[in-house]
Amino acid sequence: MYRILVCDDEKEIVSSLTACLTAEGYQVVTARTGWEVLNILSKQHIHLALLGTKLPGLDGLTTVTRLRQMHDLPVILLTSGTDSTENILGLTIGADDYITKPFQQAELLVRIRCHLRRYLHLSPPSPETLTVGDITLDDDARAVTVNDEPVSLTPLEYDILKFLMQHPCKVFSPQEIYRRVWREPPAAENSVAVHIRHIREKIEVDPSNPRYVTVVWGKGYKIEAGV
């Protein structure tokens, strides 16, 4: 049984999600504050977290920043939808996805299943090791190193990098990357660009002048081979 952590400042949303997720067969753990989220994650194995952004005490975005220092579970933000910069910032600091309030529970359930499928590898491909230049991706261990130094990637960052490394020198549009990695029609605008920028910050010596993940203007992104 997969364990999902739910934390939001609106009690009605927490209650509704708890009932919905329990009915779908998930085990639900609830928290009231960002600090409580971090405490639960330090003591329990959580498979996915649903976090509001306006949490009391430690806000949702700060909570994501802190939990990313220790955990790589998928995080979906529950945002107000009134500020698009909040959504982009959430993705930038390590959230894997967001859904704006009010939302349809059916849509959220689809997103949860997609992220759990990727994170837990319910239908994993054969383990493989991919190498491009100084980057090595060990899919069996879900680990990435650059010059033999480990690099910490979120689940979505890992999946995007793996997808590009599986197709060196091939250009993919942001929409195609979204479809292939998220496994659903493109939705969140700029999501791919935000994650690509975050990947560059972690694997490139000079993210502003990338050596590996490059852009072909007007077409999309590719990973260079033989660098």
C-alpha atoms as a PDB file:
ATOM      1  CA  MET A   1       0.000   0.000   0.000  1.00  0.00           C
ATOM      2  CA  TYR A   2       1.404   3.364  -1.016  1.00  0.00           C
ATOM      3  CA  ARG A   3       1.597   6.063   1.634  1.00  0.00           C
ATOM      4  CA  ILE A   4       0.699   9.632   0.670  1.00  0.00           C
ATOM      5  CA  LEU A   5       1.342  12.658   2.872  1.00  0.00           C
ATOM      6  CA  VAL A   6      -1.256  15.438   2.690  1.00  0.00           C
ATOM      7  CA  CYS A   7      -0.717  18.900   4.146  1.00  0.00           C
ATOM      8  CA  ASP A   8      -2.751  22.010   3.355  1.00  0.00           C
ATOM      9  CA  ASP A   9      -3.925  25.073   5.251  1.00  0.00           C
ATOM     10  CA  GLU A  10      -7.560  24.351   4.293  1.00  0.00           C
ATOM     11  CA  LYS A  11      -8.974  21.638   6.571  1.00  0.00           C
ATOM     12  CA  GLU A  12     -11.781  20.873   4.117  1.00  0.00           C
ATOM     13  CA  ILE A  13      -9.269  20.002   1.386  1.00  0.00           C
ATOM     14  CA  VAL A  14      -7.298  17.749   3.731  1.00  0.00           C
ATOM     15  CA  SER A  15     -10.478  15.937   4.797  1.00  0.00           C
ATOM     16  CA  SER A  16     -11.724  15.579   1.227  1.00  0.00           C
ATOM     17  CA  LEU A  17      -8.387  14.296  -0.069  1.00  0.00           C
ATOM     18  CA  THR A  18      -8.056  11.886   2.837  1.00  0.00           C
ATOM     19  CA  ALA A  19     -11.444  10.347   2.037  1.00  0.00           C
ATOM     20  CA  CYS A  20     -10.757  10.247  -1.706  1.00  0.00           C
ATOM     21  CA  LEU A  21      -7.279   8.729  -1.443  1.00  0.00           C
ATOM     22  CA  THR A  22      -8.356   6.198   1.176  1.00  0.00           C
ATOM     23  CA  ALA A  23     -11.183   5.074  -1.105  1.00  0.00           C
ATOM     24  CA  GLU A  24      -8.589   4.570  -3.866  1.00  0.00           C
ATOM     25  CA  GLY A  25      -6.585   2.244  -1.630  1.00  0.00           C
ATOM     26  CA  TYR A  26      -3.832   4.622  -0.511  1.00  0.00           C
ATOM     27  CA  GLN A  27      -2.689   5.024   3.075  1.00  0.00           C
ATOM     28  CA  VAL A  28      -2.943   8.694   4.013  1.00  0.00           C
ATOM     29  CA  VAL A  29      -0.803  10.558   6.529  1.00  0.00           C
ATOM     30  CA  THR A  30      -1.803  14.144   7.303  1.00  0.00           C
ATOM     31  CA  ALA A  31       0.188  17.074   8.630  1.00  0.00           C
ATOM     32  CA  ARG A  32      -0.864  20.548   9.729  1.00  0.00           C
ATOM     33  CA  THR A  33       2.368  22.494   9.209  1.00  0.00           C
ATOM     34  CA  GLY A  34       5.530  22.416   7.134  1.00  0.00           C
ATOM     35  CA  TRP A  35       7.541  21.536  10.221  1.00  0.00           C
ATOM     36  CA  GLU A  36       5.279  18.548  10.834  1.00  0.00           C
ATOM     37  CA  VAL A  37       5.804  17.450   7.216  1.00  0.00           C
ATOM     38  CA  LEU A  38       9.574  17.382   7.723  1.00  0.00           C
ATOM     39  CA  ASN A  39       9.184  15.527  11.011  1.00  0.00           C
ATOM     40  CA  ILE A  40       6.973  12.854   9.427  1.00  0.00           C
ATOM     41  CA  LEU A  41       9.376  12.386   6.516  1.00  0.00           C
ATOM     42  CA  SER A  42      12.226  11.817   8.959  1.00  0.00           C
ATOM     43  CA  LYS A  43      10.327   8.978  10.645  1.00  0.00           C
ATOM     44  CA  GLN A  44       8.119   7.355   7.994  1.00  0.00           C
ATOM     45  CA  HIS A  45       8.541   6.122   4.442  1.00  0.00           C
ATOM     46  CA  ILE A  46       6.306   8.334   2.310  1.00  0.00           C
ATOM     47  CA  HIS A  47       5.826   7.586  -1.388  1.00  0.00           C
ATOM     48  CA  LEU A  48       4.354  10.953  -2.465  1.00  0.00           C
ATOM     49  CA  ALA A  49       3.493  14.295  -0.853  1.00  0.00           C
ATOM     50  CA  LEU A  50       0.659  16.725  -1.593  1.00  0.00           C
ATOM     51  CA  LEU A  51       1.577  20.105  -0.127  1.00  0.00           C
ATOM     52  CA  GLY A  52      -0.263  23.401  -0.002  1.00  0.00           C
ATOM     53  CA  THR A  53       1.844  26.502  -0.511  1.00  0.00           C
ATOM     54  CA  LYS A  54       0.334  28.650   2.248  1.00  0.00           C
ATOM     55  CA  LEU A  55       1.119  26.451   5.235  1.00  0.00           C
ATOM     56  CA  PRO A  56       1.297  28.014   8.703  1.00  0.00           C
ATOM     57  CA  GLY A  57       4.750  28.525  10.168  1.00  0.00           C
ATOM     58  CA  LEU A  58       6.953  27.070   7.456  1.00  0.00           C
ATOM     59  CA  ASP A  59       5.332  27.814   4.090  1.00  0.00           C
ATOM     60  CA  GLY A  60       4.987  25.164   1.402  1.00  0.00           C
ATOM     61  CA  LEU A  61       7.780  26.388  -0.863  1.00  0.00           C
ATOM     62  CA  THR A  62      10.276  26.545   1.993  1.00  0.00           C
ATOM     63  CA  THR A  63       9.140  23.087   3.078  1.00  0.00           C
ATOM     64  CA  VAL A  64       9.889  21.742  -0.414  1.00  0.00           C
ATOM     65  CA  THR A  65      13.340  23.341  -0.367  1.00  0.00           C
ATOM     66  CA  ARG A  66      14.171  21.712   2.960  1.00  0.00           C
ATOM     67  CA  LEU A  67      12.765  18.272   2.210  1.00  0.00           C
ATOM     68  CA  ARG A  68      14.694  18.155  -1.085  1.00  0.00           C
ATOM     69  CA  GLN A  69      17.915  18.245   0.924  1.00  0.00           C
ATOM     70  CA  MET A  70      17.125  14.762   2.242  1.00  0.00           C
ATOM     71  CA  HIS A  71      14.333  13.176   0.179  1.00  0.00           C
ATOM     72  CA  ASP A  72      13.579  12.523  -3.496  1.00  0.00           C
ATOM     73  CA  LEU A  73       9.916  11.489  -3.283  1.00  0.00           C
ATOM     74  CA  PRO A  74       7.490  13.097  -5.765  1.00  0.00           C
ATOM     75  CA  VAL A  75       5.927  16.344  -4.521  1.00  0.00           C
ATOM     76  CA  ILE A  76       2.751  17.855  -5.979  1.00  0.00           C
ATOM     77  CA  LEU A  77       1.940  21.394  -4.866  1.00  0.00           C
ATOM     78  CA  LEU A  78      -1.650  22.478  -4.245  1.00  0.00           C
ATOM     79  CA  THR A  79      -1.531  26.107  -5.373  1.00  0.00           C
ATOM     80  CA  SER A  80      -4.016  28.958  -5.260  1.00  0.00           C
ATOM     81  CA  GLY A  81      -3.799  29.623  -8.988  1.00  0.00           C
ATOM     82  CA  THR A  82      -3.781  33.391  -8.452  1.00  0.00           C
ATOM     83  CA  ASP A  83      -0.025  33.753  -8.923  1.00  0.00           C
ATOM     84  CA  SER A  84       1.631  31.925 -11.831  1.00  0.00           C
ATOM     85  CA  THR A  85       5.099  32.847 -10.541  1.00  0.00           C
ATOM     86  CA  GLU A  86       4.393  30.725  -7.464  1.00  0.00           C
ATOM     87  CA  ASN A  87       3.823  27.694  -9.693  1.00  0.00           C
ATOM     88  CA  ILE A  88       7.061  28.224 -11.614  1.00  0.00           C
ATOM     89  CA  LEU A  89       9.011  28.883  -8.424  1.00  0.00           C
ATOM     90  CA  GLY A  90       7.661  25.665  -6.935  1.00  0.00           C
ATOM     91  CA  LEU A  91       8.943  23.651  -9.896  1.00  0.00           C
ATOM     92  CA  THR A  92      12.259  25.473  -9.781  1.00  0.00           C
ATOM     93  CA  ILE A  93      12.986  24.627  -6.150  1.00  0.00           C
ATOM     94  CA  GLY A  94      12.172  20.944  -6.510  1.00  0.00           C
ATOM     95  CA  ALA A  95       8.436  20.234  -6.741  1.00  0.00           C
ATOM     96  CA  ASP A  96       7.576  17.728  -9.465  1.00  0.00           C
ATOM     97  CA  ASP A  97       4.159  19.088 -10.356  1.00  0.00           C
ATOM     98  CA  TYR A  98       1.395  21.424  -9.245  1.00  0.00           C
ATOM     99  CA  ILE A  99      -2.370  21.567  -9.477  1.00  0.00           C
ATOM    100  CA  THR A 100      -4.373  24.726  -8.885  1.00  0.00           C
ATOM    101  CA  LYS A 101      -7.339  25.054  -6.550  1.00  0.00           C
ATOM    102  CA  PRO A 102     -10.136  24.336  -7.041  1.00  0.00           C
ATOM    103  CA  PHE A 103      -9.205  21.096  -8.791  1.00  0.00           C
ATOM    104  CA  GLN A 104     -10.967  17.965  -9.929  1.00  0.00           C
ATOM    105  CA  GLN A 105     -10.074  14.992  -7.758  1.00  0.00           C
ATOM    106  CA  ALA A 106     -10.090  12.759 -10.841  1.00  0.00           C
ATOM    107  CA  GLU A 107      -7.326  14.861 -12.422  1.00  0.00           C
ATOM    108  CA  LEU A 108      -5.281  14.805  -9.223  1.00  0.00           C
ATOM    109  CA  LEU A 109      -5.611  11.019  -8.998  1.00  0.00           C
ATOM    110  CA  VAL A 110      -4.273  10.665 -12.550  1.00  0.00           C
ATOM    111  CA  ARG A 111      -1.296  12.866 -11.703  1.00  0.00           C
ATOM    112  CA  ILE A 112      -0.625  10.870  -8.529  1.00  0.00           C
ATOM    113  CA  ARG A 113      -0.650   7.581 -10.437  1.00  0.00           C
ATOM    114  CA  CYS A 114       1.704   8.983 -13.089  1.00  0.00           C
ATOM    115  CA  HIS A 115       4.231  10.193 -10.528  1.00  0.00           C
ATOM    116  CA  LEU A 116       4.070   6.995  -8.487  1.00  0.00           C
ATOM    117  CA  ARG A 117       4.562   4.923 -11.636  1.00  0.00           C
ATOM    118  CA  ARG A 118       7.728   6.829 -12.486  1.00  0.00           C
ATOM    119  CA  TYR A 119       9.058   7.006  -8.943  1.00  0.00           C
ATOM    120  CA  LEU A 120       8.419   3.404  -7.995  1.00  0.00           C
ATOM    121  CA  HIS A 121       9.106   1.939 -11.439  1.00  0.00           C
ATOM    122  CA  LEU A 122       6.012  -0.214 -11.428  1.00  0.00           C
ATOM    123  CA  SER A 123       6.823  -1.208 -15.007  1.00  0.00           C
ATOM    124  CA  PRO A 124      10.565  -0.636 -15.165  1.00  0.00           C
ATOM    125  CA  PRO A 125      12.659  -1.126 -18.276  1.00  0.00           C
ATOM    126  CA  SER A 126      15.685  -3.361 -18.119  1.00  0.00           C
ATOM    127  CA  PRO A 127      18.368  -1.825 -15.907  1.00  0.00           C
ATOM    128  CA  GLU A 128      20.973   0.022 -17.896  1.00  0.00           C
ATOM    129  CA  THR A 129      23.918   2.343 -17.577  1.00  0.00           C
ATOM    130  CA  LEU A 130      24.037   5.341 -19.893  1.00  0.00           C
ATOM    131  CA  THR A 131      27.104   7.488 -20.445  1.00  0.00           C
ATOM    132  CA  VAL A 132      27.447  10.817 -22.225  1.00  0.00           C
ATOM    133  CA  GLY A 133      30.800  12.515 -21.781  1.00  0.00           C
ATOM    134  CA  ASP A 134      31.468  12.731 -18.052  1.00  0.00           C
ATOM    135  CA  ILE A 135      27.839  11.963 -17.148  1.00  0.00           C
ATOM    136  CA  THR A 136      26.959   8.424 -16.080  1.00  0.00           C
ATOM    137  CA  LEU A 137      23.390   7.351 -15.334  1.00  0.00           C
ATOM    138  CA  ASP A 138      22.930   4.040 -13.510  1.00  0.00           C
ATOM    139  CA  ASP A 139      19.273   3.190 -13.977  1.00  0.00           C
ATOM    140  CA  ASP A 140      19.459   0.176 -11.694  1.00  0.00           C
ATOM    141  CA  ALA A 141      20.454   2.424  -8.788  1.00  0.00           C
ATOM    142  CA  ARG A 142      18.658   5.515 -10.167  1.00  0.00           C
ATOM    143  CA  ALA A 143      21.913   7.379  -9.645  1.00  0.00           C
ATOM    144  CA  VAL A 144      23.705  10.029 -11.694  1.00  0.00           C
ATOM    145  CA  THR A 145      27.348  11.036 -11.457  1.00  0.00           C
ATOM    146  CA  VAL A 146      29.358  13.749 -13.201  1.00  0.00           C
ATOM    147  CA  ASN A 147      33.118  13.185 -13.182  1.00  0.00           C
ATOM    148  CA  ASP A 148      32.425  10.382 -10.675  1.00  0.00           C
ATOM    149  CA  GLU A 149      30.782  12.869  -8.303  1.00  0.00           C
ATOM    150  CA  PRO A 150      27.164  12.046  -7.322  1.00  0.00           C
ATOM    151  CA  VAL A 151      24.467  14.463  -8.453  1.00  0.00           C
ATOM    152  CA  SER A 152      21.154  14.751  -6.604  1.00  0.00           C
ATOM    153  CA  LEU A 153      18.207  14.964  -9.006  1.00  0.00           C
ATOM    154  CA  THR A 154      14.484  14.990  -8.318  1.00  0.00           C
ATOM    155  CA  PRO A 155      12.489  12.103  -9.857  1.00  0.00           C
ATOM    156  CA  LEU A 156      11.328  14.249 -12.783  1.00  0.00           C
ATOM    157  CA  GLU A 157      14.786  15.689 -13.406  1.00  0.00           C
ATOM    158  CA  TYR A 158      16.168  12.148 -13.450  1.00  0.00           C
ATOM    159  CA  ASP A 159      13.513  10.956 -15.913  1.00  0.00           C
ATOM    160  CA  ILE A 160      14.080  13.905 -18.263  1.00  0.00           C
ATOM    161  CA  LEU A 161      17.853  13.418 -18.239  1.00  0.00           C
ATOM    162  CA  LYS A 162      17.475   9.672 -18.796  1.00  0.00           C
ATOM    163  CA  PHE A 163      15.109  10.243 -21.723  1.00  0.00           C
ATOM    164  CA  LEU A 164      17.530  12.634 -23.406  1.00  0.00           C
ATOM    165  CA  MET A 165      20.520  10.347 -22.745  1.00  0.00           C
ATOM    166  CA  GLN A 166      18.640   7.468 -24.363  1.00  0.00           C
ATOM    167  CA  HIS A 167      18.411   9.550 -27.554  1.00  0.00           C
ATOM    168  CA  PRO A 168      21.729  11.431 -27.876  1.00  0.00           C
ATOM    169  CA  CYS A 169      21.824  14.256 -30.432  1.00  0.00           C
ATOM    170  CA  LYS A 170      18.108  13.938 -31.168  1.00  0.00           C
ATOM    171  CA  VAL A 171      16.076  17.129 -30.735  1.00  0.00           C
ATOM    172  CA  PHE A 172      12.797  16.944 -28.825  1.00  0.00           C
ATOM    173  CA  SER A 173      10.300  19.767 -28.485  1.00  0.00           C
ATOM    174  CA  PRO A 174       9.183  20.700 -24.949  1.00  0.00           C
ATOM    175  CA  GLN A 175       5.750  19.283 -25.779  1.00  0.00           C
ATOM    176  CA  GLU A 176       7.242  15.935 -26.836  1.00  0.00           C
ATOM    177  CA  ILE A 177       9.431  15.753 -23.729  1.00  0.00           C
ATOM    178  CA  TYR A 178       6.352  16.426 -21.597  1.00  0.00           C
ATOM    179  CA  ARG A 179       4.362  13.692 -23.342  1.00  0.00           C
ATOM    180  CA  ARG A 180       7.173  11.143 -23.116  1.00  0.00           C
ATOM    181  CA  VAL A 181       8.222  11.842 -19.517  1.00  0.00           C
ATOM    182  CA  TRP A 182       4.953  12.885 -17.845  1.00  0.00           C
ATOM    183  CA  ARG A 183       3.072  10.332 -20.010  1.00  0.00           C
ATOM    184  CA  GLU A 184       0.151  12.679 -20.489  1.00  0.00           C
ATOM    185  CA  PRO A 185      -0.772  15.575 -22.806  1.00  0.00           C
ATOM    186  CA  PRO A 186       1.218  18.782 -22.203  1.00  0.00           C
ATOM    187  CA  ALA A 187      -0.386  20.847 -19.467  1.00  0.00           C
ATOM    188  CA  ALA A 188       1.803  23.032 -17.262  1.00  0.00           C
ATOM    189  CA  GLU A 189       3.314  25.795 -19.367  1.00  0.00           C
ATOM    190  CA  ASN A 190       7.101  26.221 -19.002  1.00  0.00           C
ATOM    191  CA  SER A 191       7.423  23.059 -16.867  1.00  0.00           C
ATOM    192  CA  VAL A 192       9.988  21.464 -19.176  1.00  0.00           C
ATOM    193  CA  ALA A 193      12.076  24.640 -19.430  1.00  0.00           C
ATOM    194  CA  VAL A 194      12.151  24.998 -15.646  1.00  0.00           C
ATOM    195  CA  HIS A 195      13.280  21.405 -15.124  1.00  0.00           C
ATOM    196  CA  ILE A 196      15.887  21.656 -17.899  1.00  0.00           C
ATOM    197  CA  ARG A 197      17.325  24.754 -16.253  1.00  0.00           C
ATOM    198  CA  HIS A 198      17.478  22.957 -12.928  1.00  0.00           C
ATOM    199  CA  ILE A 199      19.224  19.944 -14.515  1.00  0.00           C
ATOM    200  CA  ARG A 200      21.808  22.240 -16.100  1.00  0.00           C
ATOM    201  CA  GLU A 201      22.517  23.855 -12.744  1.00  0.00           C
ATOM    202  CA  LYS A 202      23.382  20.425 -11.381  1.00  0.00           C
ATOM    203  CA  ILE A 203      25.353  18.802 -14.224  1.00  0.00           C
ATOM    204  CA  GLU A 204      26.946  21.678 -16.131  1.00  0.00           C
ATOM    205  CA  VAL A 205      30.158  23.484 -15.208  1.00  0.00           C
ATOM    206  CA  ASP A 206      28.649  26.656 -16.679  1.00  0.00           C
ATOM    207  CA  PRO A 207      24.829  26.383 -16.803  1.00  0.00           C
ATOM    208  CA  SER A 208      24.597  29.595 -18.846  1.00  0.00           C
ATOM    209  CA  ASN A 209      26.790  28.012 -21.528  1.00  0.00           C
ATOM    210  CA  PRO A 210      25.726  24.338 -21.363  1.00  0.00           C
ATOM    211  CA  ARG A 211      27.977  21.633 -22.719  1.00  0.00           C
ATOM    212  CA  TYR A 212      25.535  18.738 -22.472  1.00  0.00           C
ATOM    213  CA  VAL A 213      21.858  19.738 -22.513  1.00  0.00           C
ATOM    214  CA  THR A 214      21.581  22.271 -25.313  1.00  0.00           C
ATOM    215  CA  VAL A 215      18.735  24.113 -26.988  1.00  0.00           C
ATOM    216  CA  VAL A 216      18.016  24.223 -30.703  1.00  0.00           C
ATOM    217  CA  TRP A 217      16.137  27.489 -30.977  1.00  0.00           C
ATOM    218  CA  GLY A 218      12.606  27.113 -32.240  1.00  0.00           C
ATOM    219  CA  LYS A 219      12.795  23.313 -32.068  1.00  0.00           C
ATOM    220  CA  GLY A 220      13.631  22.015 -28.613  1.00  0.00           C
ATOM    221  CA  TYR A 221      16.322  20.360 -26.513  1.00  0.00           C
ATOM    222  CA  LYS A 222      18.904  17.647 -27.032  1.00  0.00           C
ATOM    223  CA  ILE A 223      21.821  16.113 -25.214  1.00  0.00           C
ATOM    224  CA  GLU A 224      25.138  16.301 -26.997  1.00  0.00           C
ATOM    225  CA  ALA A 225      27.089  13.096 -27.606  1.00  0.00           C
ATOM    226  CA  GLY A 226      30.849  12.804 -27.814  1.00  0.00           C
ATOM    227  CA  VAL A 227      31.508  15.891 -25.694  1.00  0.00           C
END
